[in-house]
């Protein structure tokens, strides 16, 4: 009688867990984009807080929550990545595609919904924000498109 396949079946080791690779990359992309946004624009340049429609103290608290979110996303991504590596199921092309898609998607969400629709904050105040908005959103679109292209290519190679 043949033995039942073990939980560490060979298929787990040779077949990339595409969804988990993309998720791990996307979570790290979100975490890194949020971290860079917070460190550069919130802390170093003091251009804005995550939530600027209240007192400076509320802005600092919102920055702390935003920072915690970015670290939770980063830590979750790294746990997923470690599991993928342990299972020998890591796919660099899927992971990098997810990372660029996650970072670009987060930046586009921030630049359109948070800045323009919800008006939680602007990139800068007391200046013409048009060049900042265009730069922010064009970079976001480029990151998103490059990530999507990498994922499409990776999917074609996997088929």
Protein backbone atom coordinates (compact mmCIF):
# COMPACT_ATOMS: atom_id res chain seq x y z
CA UNK A 1 0.00 0.00 0.00
CA UNK A 2 1.51 3.41 -0.96
CA UNK A 3 2.34 5.79 1.83
CA UNK A 4 0.25 8.93 2.19
CA UNK A 5 2.03 12.06 0.97
CA UNK A 6 3.74 13.91 3.76
CA UNK A 7 2.90 17.54 4.53
CA UNK A 8 6.28 18.36 2.96
CA UNK A 9 5.42 16.69 -0.32
CA UNK A 10 7.80 17.43 -3.19
CA UNK A 11 5.09 19.44 -4.96
CA UNK A 12 5.24 21.98 -2.11
CA UNK A 13 8.93 22.42 -2.81
CA UNK A 14 8.90 22.71 -6.60
CA UNK A 15 5.66 24.58 -7.32
CA UNK A 16 5.83 28.27 -6.49
CA UNK A 17 3.07 29.38 -4.20
CA UNK A 18 2.21 32.24 -6.55
CA UNK A 19 -0.40 33.90 -4.37
CA UNK A 20 1.78 33.80 -1.27
CA UNK A 21 4.76 35.18 -3.20
CA UNK A 22 2.68 38.06 -4.54
CA UNK A 23 1.11 38.69 -1.13
CA UNK A 24 4.48 38.71 0.62
CA UNK A 25 5.92 41.10 -1.95
CA UNK A 26 2.84 43.34 -1.91
CA UNK A 27 2.81 43.56 1.88
CA UNK A 28 6.48 44.48 1.91
CA UNK A 29 5.86 47.02 -0.87
CA UNK A 30 3.09 48.64 1.16
CA UNK A 31 5.22 48.59 4.30
CA UNK A 32 8.26 50.09 2.59
CA UNK A 33 6.26 52.77 0.75
CA UNK A 34 4.49 53.75 3.97
CA UNK A 35 7.78 53.75 5.87
CA UNK A 36 9.52 55.96 3.29
CA UNK A 37 6.53 58.33 3.18
CA UNK A 38 6.47 58.64 6.94
CA UNK A 39 10.20 59.02 7.50
CA UNK A 40 10.84 61.50 4.68
CA UNK A 41 7.67 63.58 4.49
CA UNK A 42 6.36 63.31 8.05
CA UNK A 43 9.50 63.21 10.19
CA UNK A 44 12.42 64.70 8.25
CA UNK A 45 10.75 67.35 6.10
CA UNK A 46 7.76 67.99 8.42
CA UNK A 47 5.56 68.58 5.37
CA UNK A 48 2.51 66.87 6.81
CA UNK A 49 1.13 64.28 9.23
CA UNK A 50 -1.02 61.31 8.34
CA UNK A 51 -4.05 63.25 9.59
CA UNK A 52 -3.77 67.03 9.36
CA UNK A 53 -7.37 68.07 9.97
CA UNK A 54 -6.96 68.42 13.73
CA UNK A 55 -4.32 69.46 16.26
CA UNK A 56 -0.58 68.77 15.90
CA UNK A 57 -0.91 66.26 18.77
CA UNK A 58 -3.57 64.34 16.83
CA UNK A 59 -1.27 64.46 13.81
CA UNK A 60 1.55 62.88 15.82
CA UNK A 61 -0.74 60.14 17.12
CA UNK A 62 -1.93 59.44 13.57
CA UNK A 63 1.71 59.23 12.45
CA UNK A 64 2.39 56.69 15.20
CA UNK A 65 -0.54 54.54 14.10
CA UNK A 66 0.59 54.85 10.47
CA UNK A 67 4.11 53.80 11.48
CA UNK A 68 2.74 50.79 13.38
CA UNK A 69 0.70 49.81 10.29
CA UNK A 70 3.79 49.97 8.09
CA UNK A 71 5.76 47.77 10.48
CA UNK A 72 2.95 45.22 10.84
CA UNK A 73 2.79 44.95 7.03
CA UNK A 74 6.57 44.60 6.85
CA UNK A 75 6.78 41.95 9.59
CA UNK A 76 3.89 39.95 8.08
CA UNK A 77 5.62 40.11 4.67
CA UNK A 78 8.89 38.86 6.13
CA UNK A 79 7.17 35.95 7.93
CA UNK A 80 5.51 34.95 4.65
CA UNK A 81 8.84 35.28 2.84
CA UNK A 82 10.61 33.12 5.43
CA UNK A 83 7.90 30.47 5.06
CA UNK A 84 8.21 30.54 1.27
CA UNK A 85 11.98 30.14 1.53
CA UNK A 86 11.60 27.31 4.08
CA UNK A 87 9.25 25.47 1.70
CA UNK A 88 11.55 26.20 -1.26
CA UNK A 89 8.56 27.88 -2.94
CA UNK A 90 10.01 31.35 -3.38
CA UNK A 91 9.54 32.87 -6.83
CA UNK A 92 11.58 36.06 -7.24
CA UNK A 93 9.65 37.31 -10.26
CA UNK A 94 6.26 36.92 -8.55
CA UNK A 95 7.62 38.43 -5.34
CA UNK A 96 9.22 41.48 -7.00
CA UNK A 97 6.10 42.01 -9.10
CA UNK A 98 4.03 41.96 -5.92
CA UNK A 99 6.44 44.33 -4.17
CA UNK A 100 6.28 46.93 -6.96
CA UNK A 101 2.52 46.51 -7.32
CA UNK A 102 2.07 46.92 -3.55
CA UNK A 103 4.27 49.98 -3.25
CA UNK A 104 2.83 51.65 -6.34
CA UNK A 105 -0.72 50.77 -5.36
CA UNK A 106 -0.22 52.17 -1.88
CA UNK A 107 1.30 55.37 -3.24
CA UNK A 108 -1.52 55.79 -5.79
CA UNK A 109 -4.11 55.20 -3.05
CA UNK A 110 -2.35 57.78 -0.86
CA UNK A 111 -2.00 60.34 -3.64
CA UNK A 112 -5.57 60.08 -4.91
CA UNK A 113 -7.88 58.93 -2.11
CA UNK A 114 -6.08 60.25 0.98
CA UNK A 115 -4.83 63.50 -0.56
CA UNK A 116 -7.71 64.42 -2.88
CA UNK A 117 -10.88 62.54 -1.95
CA UNK A 118 -10.65 62.22 1.85
CA UNK A 119 -8.34 65.25 2.24
CA UNK A 120 -6.58 63.68 5.23
CA UNK A 121 -3.45 65.63 4.28
CA UNK A 122 -1.65 67.17 1.32
CA UNK A 123 1.94 66.55 0.34
CA UNK A 124 2.79 70.15 1.21
CA UNK A 125 0.96 73.24 2.36
CA UNK A 126 1.16 76.89 1.34
CA UNK A 127 2.64 76.06 -2.07
CA UNK A 128 1.20 75.03 -5.42
CA UNK A 129 0.80 71.26 -4.89
CA UNK A 130 0.24 70.48 -8.57
CA UNK A 131 3.86 69.48 -9.39
CA UNK A 132 4.04 67.44 -6.17
CA UNK A 133 0.78 65.65 -6.94
CA UNK A 134 1.82 64.88 -10.51
CA UNK A 135 5.24 63.62 -9.44
CA UNK A 136 3.78 61.50 -6.62
CA UNK A 137 1.08 59.93 -8.77
CA UNK A 138 3.23 59.41 -11.88
CA UNK A 139 5.81 57.54 -9.78
CA UNK A 140 2.95 55.50 -8.30
CA UNK A 141 1.62 54.59 -11.75
CA UNK A 142 5.10 53.66 -13.00
CA UNK A 143 5.69 51.37 -9.99
CA UNK A 144 2.26 49.79 -10.44
CA UNK A 145 2.69 49.21 -14.17
CA UNK A 146 6.18 47.75 -13.79
CA UNK A 147 4.88 45.44 -11.04
CA UNK A 148 1.96 44.34 -13.21
CA UNK A 149 4.27 43.67 -16.18
CA UNK A 150 6.57 41.58 -13.98
CA UNK A 151 3.60 39.56 -12.73
CA UNK A 152 2.25 39.01 -16.24
CA UNK A 153 5.67 37.83 -17.44
CA UNK A 154 6.07 35.58 -14.40
CA UNK A 155 2.65 34.07 -15.00
CA UNK A 156 3.47 33.37 -18.64
CA UNK A 157 6.76 31.70 -17.66
CA UNK A 158 4.95 29.56 -15.07
CA UNK A 159 2.38 28.32 -17.61
